[in-house]
PDB file of N, CA and C in Angstrom:
ATOM      1  N   MET A   1       4.706 -59.362  75.463  1.00  0.00           N
ATOM      2  CA  MET A   1       5.913 -59.223  74.571  1.00  0.00           C
ATOM      3  C   MET A   1       6.055 -60.528  73.510  1.00  0.00           C
ATOM      4  N   ALA A   2       6.206 -60.537  72.491  1.00  0.00           N
ATOM      5  CA  ALA A   2       6.555 -61.362  71.563  1.00  0.00           C
ATOM      6  C   ALA A   2       7.627 -62.088  71.997  1.00  0.00           C
ATOM      7  N   ASP A   3       7.476 -63.518  71.572  1.00  0.00           N
ATOM      8  CA  ASP A   3       8.800 -64.381  71.914  1.00  0.00           C
ATOM      9  C   ASP A   3       9.573 -64.596  70.681  1.00  0.00           C
ATOM     10  N   LEU A   4      10.856 -64.066  70.688  1.00  0.00           N
ATOM     11  CA  LEU A   4      11.752 -63.792  69.794  1.00  0.00           C
ATOM     12  C   LEU A   4      13.048 -64.847  70.030  1.00  0.00           C
ATOM     13  N   THR A   5      12.655 -65.944  70.631  1.00  0.00           N
ATOM     14  CA  THR A   5      13.568 -66.868  70.709  1.00  0.00           C
ATOM     15  C   THR A   5      14.053 -67.637  69.271  1.00  0.00           C
ATOM     16  N   GLY A   6      15.170 -67.711  68.904  1.00  0.00           N
ATOM     17  CA  GLY A   6      15.681 -68.371  67.823  1.00  0.00           C
ATOM     18  C   GLY A   6      15.599 -67.321  66.582  1.00  0.00           C
ATOM     19  N   VAL A   7      15.446 -66.053  66.905  1.00  0.00           N
ATOM     20  CA  VAL A   7      15.526 -65.027  65.616  1.00  0.00           C
ATOM     21  C   VAL A   7      16.927 -64.595  65.558  1.00  0.00           C
ATOM     22  N   THR A   8      17.178 -64.084  64.359  1.00  0.00           N
ATOM     23  CA  THR A   8      18.568 -63.646  64.269  1.00  0.00           C
ATOM     24  C   THR A   8      18.707 -61.920  64.659  1.00  0.00           C
ATOM     25  N   TRP A   9      19.497 -61.757  65.575  1.00  0.00           N
ATOM     26  CA  TRP A   9      19.781 -60.446  66.106  1.00  0.00           C
ATOM     27  C   TRP A   9      20.913 -59.847  65.191  1.00  0.00           C
ATOM     28  N   ARG A  10      20.771 -58.513  64.904  1.00  0.00           N
ATOM     29  CA  ARG A  10      21.959 -57.828  64.098  1.00  0.00           C
ATOM     30  C   ARG A  10      22.415 -56.501  64.632  1.00  0.00           C
ATOM     31  N   LYS A  11      23.492 -56.003  64.691  1.00  0.00           N
ATOM     32  CA  LYS A  11      23.926 -55.045  64.956  1.00  0.00           C
ATOM     33  C   LYS A  11      24.060 -53.726  63.791  1.00  0.00           C
ATOM     34  N   SER A  12      24.018 -52.568  63.978  1.00  0.00           N
ATOM     35  CA  SER A  12      24.098 -51.842  62.992  1.00  0.00           C
ATOM     36  C   SER A  12      25.360 -51.937  62.220  1.00  0.00           C
ATOM     37  N   SER A  13      25.586 -51.677  61.112  1.00  0.00           N
ATOM     38  CA  SER A  13      26.772 -51.582  60.359  1.00  0.00           C
ATOM     39  C   SER A  13      27.627 -50.380  60.696  1.00  0.00           C
ATOM     40  N   ARG A  14      27.188 -49.459  61.257  1.00  0.00           N
ATOM     41  CA  ARG A  14      27.585 -48.315  61.753  1.00  0.00           C
ATOM     42  C   ARG A  14      28.452 -48.460  63.162  1.00  0.00           C
ATOM     43  N   SER A  15      28.042 -49.303  63.745  1.00  0.00           N
ATOM     44  CA  SER A  15      28.763 -49.898  65.145  1.00  0.00           C
ATOM     45  C   SER A  15      30.300 -50.064  65.046  1.00  0.00           C
ATOM     46  N   GLN A  16      30.808 -50.353  64.050  1.00  0.00           N
ATOM     47  CA  GLN A  16      32.261 -50.693  63.913  1.00  0.00           C
ATOM     48  C   GLN A  16      32.947 -51.431  64.818  1.00  0.00           C
ATOM     49  N   GLY A  17      32.137 -52.630  65.217  1.00  0.00           N
ATOM     50  CA  GLY A  17      32.782 -53.572  66.069  1.00  0.00           C
ATOM     51  C   GLY A  17      32.499 -53.284  67.520  1.00  0.00           C
ATOM     52  N   ALA A  18      31.972 -52.124  67.925  1.00  0.00           N
ATOM     53  CA  ALA A  18      31.693 -51.746  69.320  1.00  0.00           C
ATOM     54  C   ALA A  18      30.648 -52.406  69.926  1.00  0.00           C
ATOM     55  N   ASP A  19      30.925 -52.454  71.352  1.00  0.00           N
ATOM     56  CA  ASP A  19      29.945 -53.278  72.214  1.00  0.00           C
ATOM     57  C   ASP A  19      28.841 -52.344  72.630  1.00  0.00           C
ATOM     58  N   ASN A  20      28.928 -51.044  72.427  1.00  0.00           N
ATOM     59  CA  ASN A  20      27.777 -50.142  73.202  1.00  0.00           C
ATOM     60  C   ASN A  20      26.782 -49.674  72.120  1.00  0.00           C
ATOM     61  N   CYS A  21      26.139 -50.645  71.820  1.00  0.00           N
ATOM     62  CA  CYS A  21      25.099 -50.327  70.734  1.00  0.00           C
ATOM     63  C   CYS A  21      23.847 -51.227  70.967  1.00  0.00           C
ATOM     64  N   VAL A  22      22.955 -51.295  70.267  1.00  0.00           N
ATOM     65  CA  VAL A  22      21.807 -52.228  70.185  1.00  0.00           C
ATOM     66  C   VAL A  22      21.869 -53.124  69.148  1.00  0.00           C
ATOM     67  N   GLU A  23      20.957 -54.053  69.418  1.00  0.00           N
ATOM     68  CA  GLU A  23      20.634 -55.076  68.298  1.00  0.00           C
ATOM     69  C   GLU A  23      19.234 -55.190  67.963  1.00  0.00           C
ATOM     70  N   VAL A  24      19.022 -55.532  66.713  1.00  0.00           N
ATOM     71  CA  VAL A  24      17.749 -55.465  66.269  1.00  0.00           C
ATOM     72  C   VAL A  24      17.374 -56.777  65.632  1.00  0.00           C
ATOM     73  N   ALA A  25      16.188 -57.355  66.045  1.00  0.00           N
ATOM     74  CA  ALA A  25      15.747 -58.605  65.325  1.00  0.00           C
ATOM     75  C   ALA A  25      14.382 -58.221  64.581  1.00  0.00           C
ATOM     76  N   VAL A  26      14.178 -58.836  63.506  1.00  0.00           N
ATOM     77  CA  VAL A  26      12.904 -58.302  62.672  1.00  0.00           C
ATOM     78  C   VAL A  26      12.235 -59.707  62.210  1.00  0.00           C
ATOM     79  N   THR A  27      10.863 -59.654  62.571  1.00  0.00           N
ATOM     80  CA  THR A  27       9.996 -60.931  62.253  1.00  0.00           C
ATOM     81  C   THR A  27       8.934 -60.303  61.215  1.00  0.00           C
ATOM     82  N   THR A  28       8.033 -61.017  61.043  1.00  0.00           N
ATOM     83  CA  THR A  28       6.877 -60.622  60.112  1.00  0.00           C
ATOM     84  C   THR A  28       6.140 -59.430  60.627  1.00  0.00           C
ATOM     85  N   ASN A  29       6.009 -59.589  61.888  1.00  0.00           N
ATOM     86  CA  ASN A  29       5.119 -58.593  62.648  1.00  0.00           C
ATOM     87  C   ASN A  29       5.502 -57.900  63.867  1.00  0.00           C
ATOM     88  N   THR A  30       6.857 -58.052  64.017  1.00  0.00           N
ATOM     89  CA  THR A  30       7.451 -57.712  65.431  1.00  0.00           C
ATOM     90  C   THR A  30       8.982 -57.048  65.261  1.00  0.00           C
ATOM     91  N   ILE A  31       9.093 -56.123  65.894  1.00  0.00           N
ATOM     92  CA  ILE A  31      10.829 -55.591  65.951  1.00  0.00           C
ATOM     93  C   ILE A  31      11.076 -55.817  67.199  1.00  0.00           C
ATOM     94  N   GLY A  32      12.150 -56.501  67.652  1.00  0.00           N
ATOM     95  CA  GLY A  32      13.002 -56.633  68.923  1.00  0.00           C
ATOM     96  C   GLY A  32      14.047 -55.662  68.964  1.00  0.00           C
ATOM     97  N   VAL A  33      14.306 -55.165  70.065  1.00  0.00           N
ATOM     98  CA  VAL A  33      15.448 -54.338  70.434  1.00  0.00           C
ATOM     99  C   VAL A  33      16.103 -54.773  71.628  1.00  0.00           C
ATOM    100  N   ARG A  34      17.463 -54.850  71.716  1.00  0.00           N
ATOM    101  CA  ARG A  34      18.071 -55.165  72.907  1.00  0.00           C
ATOM    102  C   ARG A  34      19.428 -54.517  73.068  1.00  0.00           C
ATOM    103  N   ASP A  35      20.054 -54.456  74.256  1.00  0.00           N
ATOM    104  CA  ASP A  35      21.366 -54.010  74.622  1.00  0.00           C
ATOM    105  C   ASP A  35      22.388 -54.952  74.135  1.00  0.00           C
ATOM    106  N   THR A  36      23.340 -54.598  73.548  1.00  0.00           N
ATOM    107  CA  THR A  36      24.388 -55.489  73.116  1.00  0.00           C
ATOM    108  C   THR A  36      25.114 -55.852  74.243  1.00  0.00           C
ATOM    109  N   LYS A  37      25.471 -54.859  74.934  1.00  0.00           N
ATOM    110  CA  LYS A  37      26.238 -55.039  76.404  1.00  0.00           C
ATOM    111  C   LYS A  37      25.597 -55.982  77.590  1.00  0.00           C
ATOM    112  N   ASP A  38      24.324 -56.111  77.362  1.00  0.00           N
ATOM    113  CA  ASP A  38      23.595 -56.786  78.388  1.00  0.00           C
ATOM    114  C   ASP A  38      22.326 -57.592  77.845  1.00  0.00           C
ATOM    115  N   ARG A  39      22.548 -58.531  77.056  1.00  0.00           N
ATOM    116  CA  ARG A  39      21.620 -59.360  76.106  1.00  0.00           C
ATOM    117  C   ARG A  39      20.567 -60.061  77.274  1.00  0.00           C
ATOM    118  N   ALA A  40      21.132 -60.170  78.353  1.00  0.00           N
ATOM    119  CA  ALA A  40      20.467 -61.188  79.437  1.00  0.00           C
ATOM    120  C   ALA A  40      19.136 -60.354  79.920  1.00  0.00           C
ATOM    121  N   ALA A  41      19.331 -58.936  79.797  1.00  0.00           N
ATOM    122  CA  ALA A  41      18.188 -57.942  80.365  1.00  0.00           C
ATOM    123  C   ALA A  41      17.072 -58.007  79.875  1.00  0.00           C
ATOM    124  N   GLY A  42      17.071 -58.633  78.639  1.00  0.00           N
ATOM    125  CA  GLY A  42      15.997 -58.768  77.836  1.00  0.00           C
ATOM    126  C   GLY A  42      15.762 -57.728  76.606  1.00  0.00           C
ATOM    127  N   TYR A  43      14.619 -57.753  76.325  1.00  0.00           N
ATOM    128  CA  TYR A  43      14.292 -56.741  74.883  1.00  0.00           C
ATOM    129  C   TYR A  43      13.143 -56.169  75.035  1.00  0.00           C
ATOM    130  N   PHE A  44      12.936 -55.162  74.282  1.00  0.00           N
ATOM    131  CA  PHE A  44      11.576 -54.725  73.844  1.00  0.00           C
ATOM    132  C   PHE A  44      11.037 -55.056  72.563  1.00  0.00           C
ATOM    133  N   THR A  45       9.809 -54.948  72.330  1.00  0.00           N
ATOM    134  CA  THR A  45       9.179 -55.132  70.938  1.00  0.00           C
ATOM    135  C   THR A  45       8.445 -53.918  70.520  1.00  0.00           C
ATOM    136  N   ALA A  46       8.233 -53.694  69.284  1.00  0.00           N
ATOM    137  CA  ALA A  46       7.262 -52.786  68.534  1.00  0.00           C
ATOM    138  C   ALA A  46       6.832 -53.461  67.472  1.00  0.00           C
ATOM    139  N   THR A  47       5.649 -52.911  67.016  1.00  0.00           N
ATOM    140  CA  THR A  47       5.144 -53.197  65.688  1.00  0.00           C
ATOM    141  C   THR A  47       5.816 -52.511  64.596  1.00  0.00           C
ATOM    142  N   GLY A  48       5.719 -53.001  63.385  1.00  0.00           N
ATOM    143  CA  GLY A  48       6.306 -52.270  62.247  1.00  0.00           C
ATOM    144  C   GLY A  48       5.979 -50.797  62.273  1.00  0.00           C
ATOM    145  N   SER A  49       4.980 -50.370  62.445  1.00  0.00           N
ATOM    146  CA  SER A  49       4.493 -49.001  62.231  1.00  0.00           C
ATOM    147  C   SER A  49       5.087 -48.198  63.313  1.00  0.00           C
ATOM    148  N   GLN A  50       5.268 -49.033  64.550  1.00  0.00           N
ATOM    149  CA  GLN A  50       5.751 -48.109  65.885  1.00  0.00           C
ATOM    150  C   GLN A  50       7.290 -47.772  65.498  1.00  0.00           C
ATOM    151  N   TRP A  51       7.966 -48.883  64.975  1.00  0.00           N
ATOM    152  CA  TRP A  51       9.306 -48.985  64.611  1.00  0.00           C
ATOM    153  C   TRP A  51       9.548 -47.933  63.448  1.00  0.00           C
ATOM    154  N   SER A  52       8.921 -47.767  62.510  1.00  0.00           N
ATOM    155  CA  SER A  52       8.866 -46.778  61.473  1.00  0.00           C
ATOM    156  C   SER A  52       8.874 -45.326  62.002  1.00  0.00           C
ATOM    157  N   ALA A  53       7.742 -45.150  62.910  1.00  0.00           N
ATOM    158  CA  ALA A  53       7.748 -43.776  63.678  1.00  0.00           C
ATOM    159  C   ALA A  53       8.782 -43.444  64.266  1.00  0.00           C
ATOM    160  N   PHE A  54       9.596 -44.291  65.032  1.00  0.00           N
ATOM    161  CA  PHE A  54      10.641 -44.229  66.002  1.00  0.00           C
ATOM    162  C   PHE A  54      11.931 -43.690  65.008  1.00  0.00           C
ATOM    163  N   LEU A  55      12.182 -44.484  64.041  1.00  0.00           N
ATOM    164  CA  LEU A  55      13.122 -44.321  63.043  1.00  0.00           C
ATOM    165  C   LEU A  55      12.993 -42.897  62.240  1.00  0.00           C
ATOM    166  N   ASP A  56      11.873 -42.555  61.924  1.00  0.00           N
ATOM    167  CA  ASP A  56      11.557 -41.417  61.330  1.00  0.00           C
ATOM    168  C   ASP A  56      11.731 -40.130  62.483  1.00  0.00           C
ATOM    169  N   ALA A  57      11.527 -40.437  63.492  1.00  0.00           N
ATOM    170  CA  ALA A  57      11.848 -39.244  64.649  1.00  0.00           C
ATOM    171  C   ALA A  57      13.405 -39.114  64.646  1.00  0.00           C
ATOM    172  N   VAL A  58      13.918 -40.369  64.727  1.00  0.00           N
ATOM    173  CA  VAL A  58      15.605 -40.169  65.055  1.00  0.00           C
ATOM    174  C   VAL A  58      16.121 -39.536  63.722  1.00  0.00           C
ATOM    175  N   LYS A  59      15.671 -39.925  62.627  1.00  0.00           N
ATOM    176  CA  LYS A  59      16.295 -39.298  61.480  1.00  0.00           C
ATOM    177  C   LYS A  59      15.945 -37.662  61.072  1.00  0.00           C
ATOM    178  N   THR A  60      14.911 -37.400  61.766  1.00  0.00           N
ATOM    179  CA  THR A  60      14.741 -35.895  61.544  1.00  0.00           C
ATOM    180  C   THR A  60      14.880 -35.075  62.842  1.00  0.00           C
ATOM    181  N   SER A  61      15.685 -35.732  63.838  1.00  0.00           N
ATOM    182  CA  SER A  61      16.203 -35.256  65.144  1.00  0.00           C
ATOM    183  C   SER A  61      15.240 -34.620  66.055  1.00  0.00           C
ATOM    184  N   ARG A  62      14.150 -35.244  65.935  1.00  0.00           N
ATOM    185  CA  ARG A  62      12.959 -34.882  66.963  1.00  0.00           C
ATOM    186  C   ARG A  62      13.372 -35.235  68.471  1.00  0.00           C
ATOM    187  N   PHE A  63      14.567 -35.951  68.660  1.00  0.00           N
ATOM    188  CA  PHE A  63      15.100 -36.187  70.071  1.00  0.00           C
ATOM    189  C   PHE A  63      16.017 -35.305  70.553  1.00  0.00           C
ATOM    190  N   ASP A  64      16.453 -34.184  69.655  1.00  0.00           N
ATOM    191  CA  ASP A  64      17.308 -33.180  70.261  1.00  0.00           C
ATOM    192  C   ASP A  64      16.850 -32.388  71.429  1.00  0.00           C
TER     193      ASP A  64
END
């Protein structure tokens, strides 16, 4: 897992201030994702191509 110490984490603008969402950190070669409610639990990472494939699957409702 990549070390994301010191990176900027951001929540979706669609979260509307809620605490039940995820945060994303983007570096030049890694995407990090963590739970807003439990930041101490850690995070997982993905490559740019893995993240793009995931977002495409979400946008095209392949998880329904």
